[in-house]
Amino acid sequence: MKKLFLLLFMLGAGLSVQAQQYNSKELSDLFSDELYPLAKDISEYTNKVIAYGNVISIVKKTGTTSLAKKKIEGISVEAHSFSLLTSSGKEINLNNDMLLANKVVNKFFDVLRRVKESMKEDNRKEVEDILNSL
């Protein structure tokens, strides 16, 4: 019984450290303070990443995928909603599922960080492969 409890405890601890989960406010701050400036930096290096307004777009062979942050109107506190936009015109609202919103933001971060690392080596082919893998 002790071994089973220890196994469950270790499994639970392992799952909790895999990905940082942010609430809506933290996610909004992360987008504004870290993700958007990173995308803006990369957009000066390649035309495959576009950062304009509150939208970050990654252009791939199959189309464009964008992450948009919009201010929610009509409430007294400052709140934002996130949506994923596809090249087919589909808009997926991420506000109802914070786990999914975190996953999308983390994926954009991962891709942009890898591009930033490849930029240091000036390897354009690798940069394009990373962006197309999104």
C-alpha atoms as a PDB file:
ATOM      1  CA  MET A   1       0.000   0.000   0.000  1.00  0.00           C
ATOM      2  CA  LYS A   2       2.864   2.351   0.833  1.00  0.00           C
ATOM      3  CA  LYS A   3       4.464   1.654  -2.537  1.00  0.00           C
ATOM      4  CA  LEU A   4       1.202   2.411  -4.338  1.00  0.00           C
ATOM      5  CA  PHE A   5       0.802   5.672  -2.429  1.00  0.00           C
ATOM      6  CA  LEU A   6       4.411   6.632  -3.159  1.00  0.00           C
ATOM      7  CA  LEU A   7       3.951   5.807  -6.849  1.00  0.00           C
ATOM      8  CA  LEU A   8       0.787   7.935  -7.056  1.00  0.00           C
ATOM      9  CA  PHE A   9       2.509  10.775  -5.205  1.00  0.00           C
ATOM     10  CA  MET A  10       5.498  10.731  -7.569  1.00  0.00           C
ATOM     11  CA  LEU A  11       3.242  10.534 -10.619  1.00  0.00           C
ATOM     12  CA  GLY A  12       1.207  13.499  -9.377  1.00  0.00           C
ATOM     13  CA  ALA A  13       4.339  15.512  -8.636  1.00  0.00           C
ATOM     14  CA  GLY A  14       5.705  14.763 -12.091  1.00  0.00           C
ATOM     15  CA  LEU A  15       2.536  15.934 -13.805  1.00  0.00           C
ATOM     16  CA  SER A  16       2.387  19.170 -11.855  1.00  0.00           C
ATOM     17  CA  VAL A  17       5.829  20.357 -12.955  1.00  0.00           C
ATOM     18  CA  GLN A  18       5.544  19.533 -16.650  1.00  0.00           C
ATOM     19  CA  ALA A  19       3.951  22.795 -17.768  1.00  0.00           C
ATOM     20  CA  GLN A  20       3.412  26.083 -16.009  1.00  0.00           C
ATOM     21  CA  GLN A  21      -0.292  26.935 -15.861  1.00  0.00           C
ATOM     22  CA  TYR A  22      -1.283  30.596 -15.831  1.00  0.00           C
ATOM     23  CA  ASN A  23      -4.580  32.207 -14.979  1.00  0.00           C
ATOM     24  CA  SER A  24      -6.183  34.694 -17.361  1.00  0.00           C
ATOM     25  CA  LYS A  25      -4.379  37.755 -15.942  1.00  0.00           C
ATOM     26  CA  GLU A  26      -0.977  36.045 -15.886  1.00  0.00           C
ATOM     27  CA  LEU A  27      -1.491  34.776 -19.431  1.00  0.00           C
ATOM     28  CA  SER A  28      -2.328  38.293 -20.608  1.00  0.00           C
ATOM     29  CA  ASP A  29       0.780  39.712 -18.920  1.00  0.00           C
ATOM     30  CA  LEU A  30       2.934  36.919 -20.355  1.00  0.00           C
ATOM     31  CA  PHE A  31       1.635  37.665 -23.855  1.00  0.00           C
ATOM     32  CA  SER A  32       2.300  41.418 -23.535  1.00  0.00           C
ATOM     33  CA  ASP A  33       5.602  41.309 -21.661  1.00  0.00           C
ATOM     34  CA  GLU A  34       7.390  38.313 -23.183  1.00  0.00           C
ATOM     35  CA  LEU A  35       5.689  36.594 -26.116  1.00  0.00           C
ATOM     36  CA  TYR A  36       4.810  39.667 -28.192  1.00  0.00           C
ATOM     37  CA  PRO A  37       8.275  41.317 -27.842  1.00  0.00           C
ATOM     38  CA  LEU A  38       9.901  37.999 -28.805  1.00  0.00           C
ATOM     39  CA  ALA A  39       7.696  37.746 -31.906  1.00  0.00           C
ATOM     40  CA  LYS A  40       8.397  41.396 -32.768  1.00  0.00           C
ATOM     41  CA  ASP A  41      12.133  40.687 -32.540  1.00  0.00           C
ATOM     42  CA  ILE A  42      11.874  37.670 -34.813  1.00  0.00           C
ATOM     43  CA  SER A  43       9.640  39.506 -37.305  1.00  0.00           C
ATOM     44  CA  GLU A  44      12.570  41.813 -38.063  1.00  0.00           C
ATOM     45  CA  TYR A  45      14.610  38.747 -39.068  1.00  0.00           C
ATOM     46  CA  THR A  46      12.041  36.806 -41.094  1.00  0.00           C
ATOM     47  CA  ASN A  47       8.777  37.592 -42.851  1.00  0.00           C
ATOM     48  CA  LYS A  48       7.355  34.272 -41.604  1.00  0.00           C
ATOM     49  CA  VAL A  49       6.534  35.793 -38.204  1.00  0.00           C
ATOM     50  CA  ILE A  50       4.290  38.837 -37.979  1.00  0.00           C
ATOM     51  CA  ALA A  51       3.621  40.768 -34.779  1.00  0.00           C
ATOM     52  CA  TYR A  52       1.146  43.589 -35.240  1.00  0.00           C
ATOM     53  CA  GLY A  53      -1.302  45.089 -32.781  1.00  0.00           C
ATOM     54  CA  ASN A  54      -2.174  42.315 -30.378  1.00  0.00           C
ATOM     55  CA  VAL A  55      -1.791  39.521 -32.919  1.00  0.00           C
ATOM     56  CA  ILE A  56       1.129  37.162 -33.488  1.00  0.00           C
ATOM     57  CA  SER A  57       1.030  35.275 -36.787  1.00  0.00           C
ATOM     58  CA  ILE A  58       3.225  32.476 -38.032  1.00  0.00           C
ATOM     59  CA  VAL A  59       3.209  31.922 -41.795  1.00  0.00           C
ATOM     60  CA  LYS A  60       3.676  28.293 -42.840  1.00  0.00           C
ATOM     61  CA  LYS A  61       3.546  26.387 -46.116  1.00  0.00           C
ATOM     62  CA  THR A  62       0.008  25.287 -45.294  1.00  0.00           C
ATOM     63  CA  GLY A  63      -1.229  28.751 -44.285  1.00  0.00           C
ATOM     64  CA  THR A  64      -1.102  31.188 -41.414  1.00  0.00           C
ATOM     65  CA  THR A  65      -1.792  30.500 -37.744  1.00  0.00           C
ATOM     66  CA  SER A  66      -2.370  33.474 -35.464  1.00  0.00           C
ATOM     67  CA  LEU A  67      -2.794  34.058 -31.753  1.00  0.00           C
ATOM     68  CA  ALA A  68      -4.863  37.146 -30.961  1.00  0.00           C
ATOM     69  CA  LYS A  69      -5.405  38.943 -27.662  1.00  0.00           C
ATOM     70  CA  LYS A  70      -8.508  41.134 -27.443  1.00  0.00           C
ATOM     71  CA  LYS A  71      -9.694  43.410 -24.661  1.00  0.00           C
ATOM     72  CA  ILE A  72     -13.060  42.374 -23.258  1.00  0.00           C
ATOM     73  CA  GLU A  73     -15.372  45.384 -23.371  1.00  0.00           C
ATOM     74  CA  GLY A  74     -18.166  46.116 -20.933  1.00  0.00           C
ATOM     75  CA  ILE A  75     -16.544  45.118 -17.651  1.00  0.00           C
ATOM     76  CA  SER A  76     -14.915  47.391 -15.104  1.00  0.00           C
ATOM     77  CA  VAL A  77     -11.644  45.463 -14.735  1.00  0.00           C
ATOM     78  CA  GLU A  78      -9.129  45.037 -17.514  1.00  0.00           C
ATOM     79  CA  ALA A  79      -9.579  41.575 -18.996  1.00  0.00           C
ATOM     80  CA  HIS A  80      -8.532  39.996 -22.261  1.00  0.00           C
ATOM     81  CA  SER A  81      -9.663  37.071 -24.343  1.00  0.00           C
ATOM     82  CA  PHE A  82      -7.452  34.899 -26.500  1.00  0.00           C
ATOM     83  CA  SER A  83      -8.330  33.274 -29.777  1.00  0.00           C
ATOM     84  CA  LEU A  84      -6.531  31.112 -32.290  1.00  0.00           C
ATOM     85  CA  LEU A  85      -7.074  32.105 -35.924  1.00  0.00           C
ATOM     86  CA  THR A  86      -6.427  29.774 -38.837  1.00  0.00           C
ATOM     87  CA  SER A  87      -5.814  30.542 -42.487  1.00  0.00           C
ATOM     88  CA  SER A  88      -9.150  28.935 -43.356  1.00  0.00           C
ATOM     89  CA  GLY A  89     -10.870  31.724 -41.411  1.00  0.00           C
ATOM     90  CA  LYS A  90     -11.736  29.637 -38.375  1.00  0.00           C
ATOM     91  CA  GLU A  91     -11.555  31.401 -35.004  1.00  0.00           C
ATOM     92  CA  ILE A  92     -11.217  29.268 -31.892  1.00  0.00           C
ATOM     93  CA  ASN A  93     -12.049  31.062 -28.646  1.00  0.00           C
ATOM     94  CA  LEU A  94      -9.618  29.960 -25.928  1.00  0.00           C
ATOM     95  CA  ASN A  95     -11.284  31.675 -22.945  1.00  0.00           C
ATOM     96  CA  ASN A  96     -13.555  28.804 -21.994  1.00  0.00           C
ATOM     97  CA  ASP A  97     -10.631  26.408 -21.603  1.00  0.00           C
ATOM     98  CA  MET A  98      -7.634  27.862 -19.749  1.00  0.00           C
ATOM     99  CA  LEU A  99      -5.725  24.596 -20.146  1.00  0.00           C
ATOM    100  CA  LEU A 100      -6.031  24.887 -23.924  1.00  0.00           C
ATOM    101  CA  ALA A 101      -5.129  28.599 -23.820  1.00  0.00           C
ATOM    102  CA  ASN A 102      -1.992  27.764 -21.834  1.00  0.00           C
ATOM    103  CA  LYS A 103      -1.125  24.987 -24.269  1.00  0.00           C
ATOM    104  CA  VAL A 104      -1.445  27.303 -27.292  1.00  0.00           C
ATOM    105  CA  VAL A 105       0.588  30.112 -25.704  1.00  0.00           C
ATOM    106  CA  ASN A 106       3.267  27.618 -24.612  1.00  0.00           C
ATOM    107  CA  LYS A 107       3.403  26.164 -28.141  1.00  0.00           C
ATOM    108  CA  PHE A 108       3.867  29.635 -29.665  1.00  0.00           C
ATOM    109  CA  PHE A 109       6.582  30.338 -27.061  1.00  0.00           C
ATOM    110  CA  ASP A 110       8.333  27.059 -27.830  1.00  0.00           C
ATOM    111  CA  VAL A 111       8.343  27.681 -31.585  1.00  0.00           C
ATOM    112  CA  LEU A 112       9.496  31.301 -31.255  1.00  0.00           C
ATOM    113  CA  ARG A 113      12.273  30.390 -28.797  1.00  0.00           C
ATOM    114  CA  ARG A 114      13.589  27.715 -31.149  1.00  0.00           C
ATOM    115  CA  VAL A 115      13.520  30.222 -34.012  1.00  0.00           C
ATOM    116  CA  LYS A 116      15.404  32.745 -31.861  1.00  0.00           C
ATOM    117  CA  GLU A 117      18.071  30.129 -31.088  1.00  0.00           C
ATOM    118  CA  SER A 118      18.406  29.236 -34.781  1.00  0.00           C
ATOM    119  CA  MET A 119      18.673  32.924 -35.671  1.00  0.00           C
ATOM    120  CA  LYS A 120      21.848  33.158 -33.610  1.00  0.00           C
ATOM    121  CA  GLU A 121      23.428  30.596 -35.913  1.00  0.00           C
ATOM    122  CA  ASP A 122      21.925  32.285 -38.990  1.00  0.00           C
ATOM    123  CA  ASN A 123      20.449  29.047 -40.261  1.00  0.00           C
ATOM    124  CA  ARG A 124      17.485  30.149 -42.408  1.00  0.00           C
ATOM    125  CA  LYS A 125      16.550  26.627 -43.533  1.00  0.00           C
ATOM    126  CA  GLU A 126      16.227  25.424 -39.952  1.00  0.00           C
ATOM    127  CA  VAL A 127      14.178  28.522 -39.048  1.00  0.00           C
ATOM    128  CA  GLU A 128      11.718  27.779 -41.849  1.00  0.00           C
ATOM    129  CA  ASP A 129      11.459  24.121 -40.808  1.00  0.00           C
ATOM    130  CA  ILE A 130      10.682  25.124 -37.214  1.00  0.00           C
ATOM    131  CA  LEU A 131       8.013  27.600 -38.285  1.00  0.00           C
ATOM    132  CA  ASN A 132       6.401  25.100 -40.637  1.00  0.00           C
ATOM    133  CA  SER A 133       6.203  22.551 -37.806  1.00  0.00           C
ATOM    134  CA  LEU A 134       3.697  24.623 -35.801  1.00  0.00           C
END
